Structures are given as C-alpha cells and as structure tokens.
Amino acid sequence: MAYNKDPNSSKPIIFHYEVTEDSAETWAEGLNLLHNPNAKMQVDPDIFPTIAHHFLRKDGNIESRMPEFHPNAFITLHTKII
C-alpha cells in the first residue's frame, strides 16, 4: 500500500511492484523522518526531499510532508523460477 494524496480518500493506493535486476528502487522509498521539536539542531527537510517528514506541532497534532510516492505497507514474496 502507498500513501494516497487525495484529501478525500479514506484508503491507501494498492500497488504491485516486481523487483528485478533492472529495478530502480531508491534508498529513500518508504523512509520516514520524525523531526524532534526539542532538538538543538533541526534537520532541514530540503536535505532529504524524497522521503516523508513528520513534525510534532505545539498543539499536539502531527504534520506530514509526503513525497509523490511513499509505500507504507508491503509484503515481500520470494519466488524461485524453476
């Protein structure tokens, strides 16, 4: 499943992706950065533009900035072709 940017959606996007030797997965796909509001040195979100960023706001709510594609749940199936 992947994050659905549609603000009216109640369901994630279901996707299928076959990993092969020609796949172009990046190290950042599915990576989440939880920003500590009390950190002495804050991480600039622009340093990692292709990952999801989550911020705890003073009112207790969480603000998330999501990349265009962000998988958040997956099942990996290993198959052997005979």
PDB file of N, CA and C in Angstrom:
ATOM      1  N   MET A   1       0.845  -1.174   0.000  1.00  0.00           N
ATOM      2  CA  MET A   1       0.000   0.000   0.000  1.00  0.00           C
ATOM      3  C   MET A   1       0.888   1.233   0.000  1.00  0.00           C
ATOM      4  N   ALA A   2       0.369   2.301  -0.553  1.00  0.00           N
ATOM      5  CA  ALA A   2       1.108   3.554  -0.607  1.00  0.00           C
ATOM      6  C   ALA A   2       0.201   4.696  -0.174  1.00  0.00           C
ATOM      7  N   TYR A   3       0.842   5.755   0.297  1.00  0.00           N
ATOM      8  CA  TYR A   3       0.126   6.957   0.726  1.00  0.00           C
ATOM      9  C   TYR A   3      -0.699   7.512  -0.423  1.00  0.00           C
ATOM     10  N   ASN A   4      -1.934   7.879  -0.122  1.00  0.00           N
ATOM     11  CA  ASN A   4      -2.838   8.450  -1.116  1.00  0.00           C
ATOM     12  C   ASN A   4      -2.961   9.946  -0.841  1.00  0.00           C
ATOM     13  N   LYS A   5      -2.518  10.777  -1.791  1.00  0.00           N
ATOM     14  CA  LYS A   5      -2.524  12.233  -1.608  1.00  0.00           C
ATOM     15  C   LYS A   5      -3.912  12.861  -1.732  1.00  0.00           C
ATOM     16  N   ASP A   6      -4.881  12.114  -2.185  1.00  0.00           N
ATOM     17  CA  ASP A   6      -6.239  12.646  -2.320  1.00  0.00           C
ATOM     18  C   ASP A   6      -6.777  12.979  -0.927  1.00  0.00           C
ATOM     19  N   PRO A   7      -7.058  14.253  -0.627  1.00  0.00           N
ATOM     20  CA  PRO A   7      -7.520  14.618   0.713  1.00  0.00           C
ATOM     21  C   PRO A   7      -8.879  14.020   1.075  1.00  0.00           C
ATOM     22  N   ASN A   8      -9.629  13.543   0.090  1.00  0.00           N
ATOM     23  CA  ASN A   8     -10.935  12.934   0.341  1.00  0.00           C
ATOM     24  C   ASN A   8     -10.870  11.413   0.415  1.00  0.00           C
ATOM     25  N   SER A   9      -9.681  10.861   0.259  1.00  0.00           N
ATOM     26  CA  SER A   9      -9.537   9.408   0.259  1.00  0.00           C
ATOM     27  C   SER A   9      -9.501   8.871   1.686  1.00  0.00           C
ATOM     28  N   SER A  10     -10.112   7.723   1.860  1.00  0.00           N
ATOM     29  CA  SER A  10     -10.049   7.040   3.156  1.00  0.00           C
ATOM     30  C   SER A  10      -9.232   5.754   3.058  1.00  0.00           C
ATOM     31  N   LYS A  11      -8.694   5.487   1.859  1.00  0.00           N
ATOM     32  CA  LYS A  11      -7.947   4.253   1.645  1.00  0.00           C
ATOM     33  C   LYS A  11      -6.614   4.553   0.965  1.00  0.00           C
ATOM     34  N   PRO A  12      -5.617   3.716   1.229  1.00  0.00           N
ATOM     35  CA  PRO A  12      -4.329   3.888   0.538  1.00  0.00           C
ATOM     36  C   PRO A  12      -4.414   3.407  -0.905  1.00  0.00           C
ATOM     37  N   ILE A  13      -3.369   3.675  -1.655  1.00  0.00           N
ATOM     38  CA  ILE A  13      -3.258   3.164  -3.018  1.00  0.00           C
ATOM     39  C   ILE A  13      -2.678   1.759  -2.942  1.00  0.00           C
ATOM     40  N   ILE A  14      -3.292   0.827  -3.642  1.00  0.00           N
ATOM     41  CA  ILE A  14      -2.773  -0.539  -3.715  1.00  0.00           C
ATOM     42  C   ILE A  14      -1.901  -0.616  -4.958  1.00  0.00           C
ATOM     43  N   PHE A  15      -0.692  -1.147  -4.804  1.00  0.00           N
ATOM     44  CA  PHE A  15       0.205  -1.232  -5.958  1.00  0.00           C
ATOM     45  C   PHE A  15       0.933  -2.571  -5.940  1.00  0.00           C
ATOM     46  N   HIS A  16       1.463  -2.931  -7.087  1.00  0.00           N
ATOM     47  CA  HIS A  16       2.249  -4.148  -7.252  1.00  0.00           C
ATOM     48  C   HIS A  16       3.530  -3.754  -7.937  1.00  0.00           C
ATOM     49  N   TYR A  17       4.627  -4.260  -7.432  1.00  0.00           N
ATOM     50  CA  TYR A  17       5.932  -3.891  -7.986  1.00  0.00           C
ATOM     51  C   TYR A  17       6.828  -5.111  -7.975  1.00  0.00           C
ATOM     52  N   GLU A  18       7.270  -5.521  -9.145  1.00  0.00           N
ATOM     53  CA  GLU A  18       8.158  -6.669  -9.238  1.00  0.00           C
ATOM     54  C   GLU A  18       9.608  -6.177  -9.256  1.00  0.00           C
ATOM     55  N   VAL A  19      10.382  -6.638  -8.305  1.00  0.00           N
ATOM     56  CA  VAL A  19      11.790  -6.248  -8.217  1.00  0.00           C
ATOM     57  C   VAL A  19      12.608  -7.175  -9.099  1.00  0.00           C
ATOM     58  N   THR A  20      13.333  -6.565 -10.019  1.00  0.00           N
ATOM     59  CA  THR A  20      14.207  -7.320 -10.912  1.00  0.00           C
ATOM     60  C   THR A  20      15.589  -6.675 -10.893  1.00  0.00           C
ATOM     61  N   GLU A  21      16.501  -7.238 -11.650  1.00  0.00           N
ATOM     62  CA  GLU A  21      17.838  -6.652 -11.742  1.00  0.00           C
ATOM     63  C   GLU A  21      17.793  -5.265 -12.381  1.00  0.00           C
ATOM     64  N   ASP A  22      16.746  -4.971 -13.133  1.00  0.00           N
ATOM     65  CA  ASP A  22      16.612  -3.677 -13.796  1.00  0.00           C
ATOM     66  C   ASP A  22      15.795  -2.667 -12.988  1.00  0.00           C
ATOM     67  N   SER A  23      15.348  -3.043 -11.796  1.00  0.00           N
ATOM     68  CA  SER A  23      14.533  -2.146 -10.972  1.00  0.00           C
ATOM     69  C   SER A  23      15.331  -0.923 -10.555  1.00  0.00           C
ATOM     70  N   ALA A  24      14.606   0.161 -10.352  1.00  0.00           N
ATOM     71  CA  ALA A  24      15.254   1.420  -9.985  1.00  0.00           C
ATOM     72  C   ALA A  24      14.767   1.914  -8.623  1.00  0.00           C
ATOM     73  N   GLU A  25      14.743   1.024  -7.643  1.00  0.00           N
ATOM     74  CA  GLU A  25      14.355   1.439  -6.302  1.00  0.00           C
ATOM     75  C   GLU A  25      15.440   2.341  -5.723  1.00  0.00           C
ATOM     76  N   THR A  26      15.004   3.319  -4.934  1.00  0.00           N
ATOM     77  CA  THR A  26      15.972   4.192  -4.279  1.00  0.00           C
ATOM     78  C   THR A  26      16.044   3.849  -2.797  1.00  0.00           C
ATOM     79  N   TRP A  27      17.109   4.277  -2.152  1.00  0.00           N
ATOM     80  CA  TRP A  27      17.261   4.016  -0.720  1.00  0.00           C
ATOM     81  C   TRP A  27      16.201   4.756   0.089  1.00  0.00           C
ATOM     82  N   ALA A  28      15.622   5.797  -0.484  1.00  0.00           N
ATOM     83  CA  ALA A  28      14.697   6.646   0.261  1.00  0.00           C
ATOM     84  C   ALA A  28      13.236   6.194   0.193  1.00  0.00           C
ATOM     85  N   GLU A  29      12.899   5.261  -0.677  1.00  0.00           N
ATOM     86  CA  GLU A  29      11.499   4.839  -0.801  1.00  0.00           C
ATOM     87  C   GLU A  29      11.009   4.238   0.509  1.00  0.00           C
ATOM     88  N   GLY A  30       9.972   4.829   1.048  1.00  0.00           N
ATOM     89  CA  GLY A  30       9.386   4.333   2.287  1.00  0.00           C
ATOM     90  C   GLY A  30      10.060   4.850   3.549  1.00  0.00           C
ATOM     91  N   LEU A  31      11.048   5.725   3.417  1.00  0.00           N
ATOM     92  CA  LEU A  31      11.766   6.238   4.584  1.00  0.00           C
ATOM     93  C   LEU A  31      10.983   7.372   5.235  1.00  0.00           C
ATOM     94  N   ASN A  32      10.901   7.344   6.569  1.00  0.00           N
ATOM     95  CA  ASN A  32      10.205   8.369   7.342  1.00  0.00           C
ATOM     96  C   ASN A  32      11.192   9.048   8.275  1.00  0.00           C
ATOM     97  N   LEU A  33      11.131  10.375   8.348  1.00  0.00           N
ATOM     98  CA  LEU A  33      11.954  11.126   9.291  1.00  0.00           C
ATOM     99  C   LEU A  33      11.018  11.818  10.268  1.00  0.00           C
ATOM    100  N   LEU A  34      11.139  11.441  11.542  1.00  0.00           N
ATOM    101  CA  LEU A  34      10.336  12.054  12.599  1.00  0.00           C
ATOM    102  C   LEU A  34      11.172  13.172  13.200  1.00  0.00           C
ATOM    103  N   HIS A  35      10.748  14.414  12.984  1.00  0.00           N
ATOM    104  CA  HIS A  35      11.509  15.573  13.451  1.00  0.00           C
ATOM    105  C   HIS A  35      11.232  15.823  14.932  1.00  0.00           C
ATOM    106  N   ASN A  36      12.297  15.949  15.711  1.00  0.00           N
ATOM    107  CA  ASN A  36      12.188  16.208  17.137  1.00  0.00           C
ATOM    108  C   ASN A  36      12.057  17.716  17.353  1.00  0.00           C
ATOM    109  N   PRO A  37      10.914  18.180  17.869  1.00  0.00           N
ATOM    110  CA  PRO A  37      10.742  19.623  18.039  1.00  0.00           C
ATOM    111  C   PRO A  37      11.664  20.202  19.108  1.00  0.00           C
ATOM    112  N   ASN A  38      12.234  19.346  19.950  1.00  0.00           N
ATOM    113  CA  ASN A  38      13.115  19.805  21.020  1.00  0.00           C
ATOM    114  C   ASN A  38      14.598  19.658  20.678  1.00  0.00           C
ATOM    115  N   ALA A  39      14.899  19.229  19.464  1.00  0.00           N
ATOM    116  CA  ALA A  39      16.300  19.039  19.069  1.00  0.00           C
ATOM    117  C   ALA A  39      17.020  20.385  19.013  1.00  0.00           C
ATOM    118  N   LYS A  40      18.275  20.400  19.464  1.00  0.00           N
ATOM    119  CA  LYS A  40      19.068  21.632  19.416  1.00  0.00           C
ATOM    120  C   LYS A  40      19.395  22.013  17.987  1.00  0.00           C
ATOM    121  N   MET A  41      19.585  21.027  17.126  1.00  0.00           N
ATOM    122  CA  MET A  41      19.865  21.279  15.714  1.00  0.00           C
ATOM    123  C   MET A  41      18.800  20.557  14.897  1.00  0.00           C
ATOM    124  N   GLN A  42      17.939  21.319  14.258  1.00  0.00           N
ATOM    125  CA  GLN A  42      16.861  20.758  13.454  1.00  0.00           C
ATOM    126  C   GLN A  42      17.392  20.319  12.086  1.00  0.00           C
ATOM    127  N   VAL A  43      16.823  19.258  11.555  1.00  0.00           N
ATOM    128  CA  VAL A  43      17.175  18.784  10.214  1.00  0.00           C
ATOM    129  C   VAL A  43      16.315  19.534   9.203  1.00  0.00           C
ATOM    130  N   ASP A  44      16.954  20.121   8.217  1.00  0.00           N
ATOM    131  CA  ASP A  44      16.241  20.827   7.151  1.00  0.00           C
ATOM    132  C   ASP A  44      15.599  19.787   6.232  1.00  0.00           C
ATOM    133  N   PRO A  45      14.265  19.780   6.082  1.00  0.00           N
ATOM    134  CA  PRO A  45      13.598  18.793   5.226  1.00  0.00           C
ATOM    135  C   PRO A  45      14.078  18.823   3.777  1.00  0.00           C
ATOM    136  N   ASP A  46      14.583  19.964   3.320  1.00  0.00           N
ATOM    137  CA  ASP A  46      15.046  20.072   1.939  1.00  0.00           C
ATOM    138  C   ASP A  46      16.307  19.235   1.683  1.00  0.00           C
ATOM    139  N   ILE A  47      16.983  18.809   2.743  1.00  0.00           N
ATOM    140  CA  ILE A  47      18.157  17.953   2.572  1.00  0.00           C
ATOM    141  C   ILE A  47      17.738  16.581   2.029  1.00  0.00           C
ATOM    142  N   PHE A  48      16.556  16.125   2.443  1.00  0.00           N
ATOM    143  CA  PHE A  48      16.026  14.823   2.016  1.00  0.00           C
ATOM    144  C   PHE A  48      14.651  15.038   1.375  1.00  0.00           C
ATOM    145  N   PRO A  49      14.596  15.538   0.145  1.00  0.00           N
ATOM    146  CA  PRO A  49      13.314  15.898  -0.465  1.00  0.00           C
ATOM    147  C   PRO A  49      12.434  14.724  -0.874  1.00  0.00           C
ATOM    148  N   THR A  50      12.983  13.515  -0.958  1.00  0.00           N
ATOM    149  CA  THR A  50      12.200  12.383  -1.469  1.00  0.00           C
ATOM    150  C   THR A  50      11.714  11.444  -0.374  1.00  0.00           C
ATOM    151  N   ILE A  51      11.835  11.834   0.897  1.00  0.00           N
ATOM    152  CA  ILE A  51      11.335  10.997   1.990  1.00  0.00           C
ATOM    153  C   ILE A  51      10.156  11.697   2.664  1.00  0.00           C
ATOM    154  N   ALA A  52       9.446  10.960   3.519  1.00  0.00           N
ATOM    155  CA  ALA A  52       8.336  11.544   4.277  1.00  0.00           C
ATOM    156  C   ALA A  52       8.890  12.205   5.540  1.00  0.00           C
ATOM    157  N   HIS A  53       8.380  13.390   5.829  1.00  0.00           N
ATOM    158  CA  HIS A  53       8.791  14.140   7.019  1.00  0.00           C
ATOM    159  C   HIS A  53       7.577  14.317   7.917  1.00  0.00           C
ATOM    160  N   HIS A  54       7.762  14.088   9.216  1.00  0.00           N
ATOM    161  CA  HIS A  54       6.668  14.211  10.179  1.00  0.00           C
ATOM    162  C   HIS A  54       7.105  15.153  11.302  1.00  0.00           C
ATOM    163  N   PHE A  55       6.249  16.130  11.614  1.00  0.00           N
ATOM    164  CA  PHE A  55       6.565  17.157  12.600  1.00  0.00           C
ATOM    165  C   PHE A  55       5.505  17.172  13.689  1.00  0.00           C
ATOM    166  N   LEU A  56       5.925  17.144  14.951  1.00  0.00           N
ATOM    167  CA  LEU A  56       5.013  17.291  16.080  1.00  0.00           C
ATOM    168  C   LEU A  56       4.826  18.780  16.329  1.00  0.00           C
ATOM    169  N   ARG A  57       3.593  19.238  16.199  1.00  0.00           N
ATOM    170  CA  ARG A  57       3.289  20.651  16.382  1.00  0.00           C
ATOM    171  C   ARG A  57       2.979  20.951  17.847  1.00  0.00           C
ATOM    172  N   LYS A  58       3.046  22.213  18.217  1.00  0.00           N
ATOM    173  CA  LYS A  58       2.816  22.630  19.607  1.00  0.00           C
ATOM    174  C   LYS A  58       1.428  22.268  20.109  1.00  0.00           C
ATOM    175  N   ASP A  59       0.461  22.174  19.186  1.00  0.00           N
ATOM    176  CA  ASP A  59      -0.903  21.821  19.591  1.00  0.00           C
ATOM    177  C   ASP A  59      -1.086  20.311  19.748  1.00  0.00           C
ATOM    178  N   GLY A  60       0.005  19.536  19.553  1.00  0.00           N
ATOM    179  CA  GLY A  60      -0.049  18.081  19.706  1.00  0.00           C
ATOM    180  C   GLY A  60      -0.367  17.326  18.434  1.00  0.00           C
ATOM    181  N   ASN A  61      -0.750  18.035  17.382  1.00  0.00           N
ATOM    182  CA  ASN A  61      -1.032  17.386  16.100  1.00  0.00           C
ATOM    183  C   ASN A  61       0.265  17.100  15.353  1.00  0.00           C
ATOM    184  N   ILE A  62       0.193  16.175  14.424  1.00  0.00           N
ATOM    185  CA  ILE A  62       1.344  15.835  13.590  1.00  0.00           C
ATOM    186  C   ILE A  62       1.092  16.352  12.181  1.00  0.00           C
ATOM    187  N   GLU A  63       2.079  17.039  11.640  1.00  0.00           N
ATOM    188  CA  GLU A  63       2.030  17.499  10.252  1.00  0.00           C
ATOM    189  C   GLU A  63       2.982  16.625   9.456  1.00  0.00           C
ATOM    190  N   SER A  64       2.523  16.106   8.339  1.00  0.00           N
ATOM    191  CA  SER A  64       3.358  15.252   7.494  1.00  0.00           C
ATOM    192  C   SER A  64       3.518  15.868   6.121  1.00  0.00           C
ATOM    193  N   ARG A  65       4.728  15.806   5.613  1.00  0.00           N
ATOM    194  CA  ARG A  65       5.023  16.226   4.240  1.00  0.00           C
ATOM    195  C   ARG A  65       5.460  14.975   3.499  1.00  0.00           C
ATOM    196  N   MET A  66       4.648  14.597   2.520  1.00  0.00           N
ATOM    197  CA  MET A  66       4.847  13.321   1.853  1.00  0.00           C
ATOM    198  C   MET A  66       5.394  13.502   0.442  1.00  0.00           C
ATOM    199  N   PRO A  67       6.286  12.590   0.015  1.00  0.00           N
ATOM    200  CA  PRO A  67       6.750  12.634  -1.372  1.00  0.00           C
ATOM    201  C   PRO A  67       5.645  12.148  -2.305  1.00  0.00           C
ATOM    202  N   GLU A  68       5.879  12.258  -3.599  1.00  0.00           N
ATOM    203  CA  GLU A  68       4.866  11.852  -4.580  1.00  0.00           C
ATOM    204  C   GLU A  68       4.472  10.384  -4.408  1.00  0.00           C
ATOM    205  N   PHE A  69       5.439   9.503  -4.210  1.00  0.00           N
ATOM    206  CA  PHE A  69       5.157   8.077  -3.981  1.00  0.00           C
ATOM    207  C   PHE A  69       5.799   7.679  -2.664  1.00  0.00           C
ATOM    208  N   HIS A  70       4.994   7.098  -1.766  1.00  0.00           N
ATOM    209  CA  HIS A  70       5.515   6.690  -0.464  1.00  0.00           C
ATOM    210  C   HIS A  70       4.836   5.400  -0.008  1.00  0.00           C
ATOM    211  N   PRO A  71       5.512   4.247  -0.189  1.00  0.00           N
ATOM    212  CA  PRO A  71       4.932   2.994   0.297  1.00  0.00           C
ATOM    213  C   PRO A  71       4.930   2.989   1.820  1.00  0.00           C
ATOM    214  N   ASN A  72       3.836   2.514   2.413  1.00  0.00           N
ATOM    215  CA  ASN A  72       3.780   2.479   3.867  1.00  0.00           C
ATOM    216  C   ASN A  72       3.460   1.102   4.428  1.00  0.00           C
ATOM    217  N   ALA A  73       3.185   0.157   3.571  1.00  0.00           N
ATOM    218  CA  ALA A  73       2.981  -1.223   3.999  1.00  0.00           C
ATOM    219  C   ALA A  73       3.221  -2.116   2.789  1.00  0.00           C
ATOM    220  N   PHE A  74       3.882  -3.232   3.025  1.00  0.00           N
ATOM    221  CA  PHE A  74       4.159  -4.102   1.891  1.00  0.00           C
ATOM    222  C   PHE A  74       4.368  -5.533   2.346  1.00  0.00           C
ATOM    223  N   ILE A  75       4.228  -6.412   1.409  1.00  0.00           N
ATOM    224  CA  ILE A  75       4.503  -7.831   1.610  1.00  0.00           C
ATOM    225  C   ILE A  75       5.533  -8.220   0.557  1.00  0.00           C
ATOM    226  N   THR A  76       6.592  -8.839   0.985  1.00  0.00           N
ATOM    227  CA  THR A  76       7.626  -9.279   0.056  1.00  0.00           C
ATOM    228  C   THR A  76       7.475 -10.777  -0.152  1.00  0.00           C
ATOM    229  N   LEU A  77       7.341 -11.174  -1.399  1.00  0.00           N
ATOM    230  CA  LEU A  77       7.249 -12.584  -1.746  1.00  0.00           C
ATOM    231  C   LEU A  77       8.510 -12.982  -2.507  1.00  0.00           C
ATOM    232  N   HIS A  78       9.186 -13.981  -2.021  1.00  0.00           N
ATOM    233  CA  HIS A  78      10.375 -14.501  -2.705  1.00  0.00           C
ATOM    234  C   HIS A  78       9.939 -15.710  -3.521  1.00  0.00           C
ATOM    235  N   THR A  79      10.220 -15.673  -4.797  1.00  0.00           N
ATOM    236  CA  THR A  79       9.849 -16.797  -5.640  1.00  0.00           C
ATOM    237  C   THR A  79      11.091 -17.311  -6.360  1.00  0.00           C
ATOM    238  N   LYS A  80      11.046 -18.563  -6.677  1.00  0.00           N
ATOM    239  CA  LYS A  80      12.161 -19.181  -7.410  1.00  0.00           C
ATOM    240  C   LYS A  80      11.577 -19.762  -8.689  1.00  0.00           C
ATOM    241  N   ILE A  81      12.150 -19.338  -9.789  1.00  0.00           N
ATOM    242  CA  ILE A  81      11.705 -19.853 -11.083  1.00  0.00           C
ATOM    243  C   ILE A  81      12.507 -21.089 -11.409  1.00  0.00           C
ATOM    244  N   ILE A  82      11.810 -22.160 -11.683  1.00  0.00           N
ATOM    245  CA  ILE A  82      12.486 -23.440 -11.977  1.00  0.00           C
ATOM    246  C   ILE A  82      12.441 -23.716 -13.453  1.00  0.00           C
TER     247      ILE A  82
END
